[in-house]
Structures are given as C-alpha cells and as structure tokens.
Amino acid sequence: MSMDRLLEKIVEKQNPTVAGLDPQLSYIPGCIREESYAKYGKTLEGAADALLGFNKGLIDALCDIVPAVKPQAAYYEMYGWQGVRALAGTIAYAKSKGMFVITDGKRNDIGATMQAYAAGHLGETDVDGETFEAFGADALTVNGYLGTDGIQPLLNVCAGNDKGVFVLAKTSNPSSGEFQDQMLHAMYEPLYRAMGNMCQQWGLKLPGKYGYSGVGAVVGATYPKQLKELRKALPNTLFLVPGYGAQGGAAQDVAQGFDKNGLGAVVNSSRGIMCAWQKENCAPEEYAAAARREALRMRDEITACVGEITLPR
C-alpha cells in the first residue's frame, strides 16, 4: 500500500517531513531564469522550464535526506500546458530519485469527473486499449466535502494502483474555522471531526500493514490542539501537516500529530526550504545547498520533539 512505502521511507531516513515544491519565479535564482529565457524567451515556456530546472536542483539536494516532495498543482497550472508539463516532469524526476510524491491538487468532484481526476493523477489513462500513467504521483490531496460520492472513485483507483489520498480535514489557514469548526448538533462535534471520522471509515477499504490506511487527512500545524485531538481519535489515519515554519507552526505543535513510534504524520515545508537561500542571503548558485541545510535543520528540530522513528512490531 502506498502509505506503507511512505512510512518505510520516513523510518529509513529518520525524517518525517515533505518538501513542498510550490515555486514562484521570485524564488528562482536569476541565473536559472535567464538560462531558460535565453532558450524560450520570457514566455510561458520559459517560465515552465525555469520551474523544472529549479525543482531538479532541489530534488538532487534533498533526495537522500527527505522522503517525499509535494508539488502544488496551481503553481504549474498558472503557466498553462507548459506549466503542467513541468509538473509532470517534476513528478517523474522525483520518482526517479526514489522520492514519494504527493500531488497537492485538492481535487473535488463526483462520479465520472472524479474518476477522471483519479485516473489522471493516480491511475492510468486508456487510449483505445493502450494505458498510460498521465502524472503518476503516489498520493493526491482531495477535498472530501462532497461526501463519499467524491471519494469512492479514488478508493477504487488507489486499491488497484497502490496509491493514497490525503483528505482535507482541519486546514491551516486562518479562516478555516468559519466552516470546519461549526458544530454538527446532531453529533455534538465540529465538522472537521466528522470529516476525520469519515477518513477513518474510508480507510477501512485501504488497510496498511503498519496500522495506517491509504486514506490520510490534512491537519494543519497551526492548530495543535485539534491536531492532538484528531491523533487520538483517528489511530489509523496518517496526517499530512501543512503550516510549519512560514505559516507559524513550530516543532512542538506538529509533535502532537505523532504516535508513540514517531509515526502518524508527515510535515510539510514549502517556502522555508525553497527560499532558504534568500533567508541565508547566500549566493544564488547555492540555493540547493541552502535548501538542504534548512531541510536538515527542520528534520532535527522535529525529531528532537518526536524521538526515534520506528515501524510497529
């Protein structure tokens, strides 16, 4: 099962983190941008080429210490089909380096439309009897607030293709509580808790050998109380934890999402890693080395709170 592979990589590297690849042109050193513009001009093609070049440098620097990457689809789609090609190239390159890939697409639909999303991002696309992986990520973030109709097509594809999903439950943004904290009076629990319970139920169809299913939940580091609550309530649900670092979440906050084995969560950092060279004020050519230093610092900070990470016996 897909999440089993992620957990094994986390234990192997003793690092429960994922590097978010959400590149903006302002994050990319000028030397990379200019090289791409020299080939394609200041065009969508040139921008997309710069994104891919930047990402490859990051992946090369991180692949032996960070188990996973999480490209956010929006930062590629904004450059049209050229950017989408850069997303596909990023996924393929990360996988070639042995990294687990979570596409952050937050897809949300029902029926045949969700089947198409599932096939494109996690499964196979049929072309008159020939099948191809369109993107080939290992997992996809999804919005489950349309209910089981929007999740079941993903479960079918995940079961047949060794893939997983992370469902939005309690997100890290400041206004998340406008809806997610609303109490469901018939159940006397907030909406995010009900969504977490659904993740636990959906996950019964994708059991894993280490106790965590193929249906994870997105739970933000900026809400440590809820993170702790959900960890206790959802023992078989792996958490993808955004909000660390630039958004305000600290190591002691994200530690609430881990179990006694140091498993149960994978913590994302995007700007903190991608823009480390700017924070350090080092030479632009050193951007990948700066990203590696930040990834190691993040790893050490979190594991100091979590402890040794082991697979359950």
Foldseek 3Di string as FASTA:
>chain_A
DLVVLLLVLCQVLVFQAAEELLDDPVLADPVLLVVLCVVVNPALLSVLSSSLVLLLLQLVLPLNRHQAYEYELVSQCVSPPSSVVSQLSSLVSNVVSVHAYEYEDQAFDFDPVLLVVLCADDNWDDDPNDTDHNRHHQEYEYECVVDPRNVVSNLVRCVVRVHAYAYEQAALDPCSCVQQQDAPVVVRGGNSVVVLVVLLVSQVSAADPLQAGRYAYEHELNCLVVLLVSCVVRVRHAYEYECPDPNDHFLLSCLSQADLQLGRYRYYDYCQLSNQCVVVVHDSVCSSVSSSVSSVVRRVRNCVSRPNHDGDD
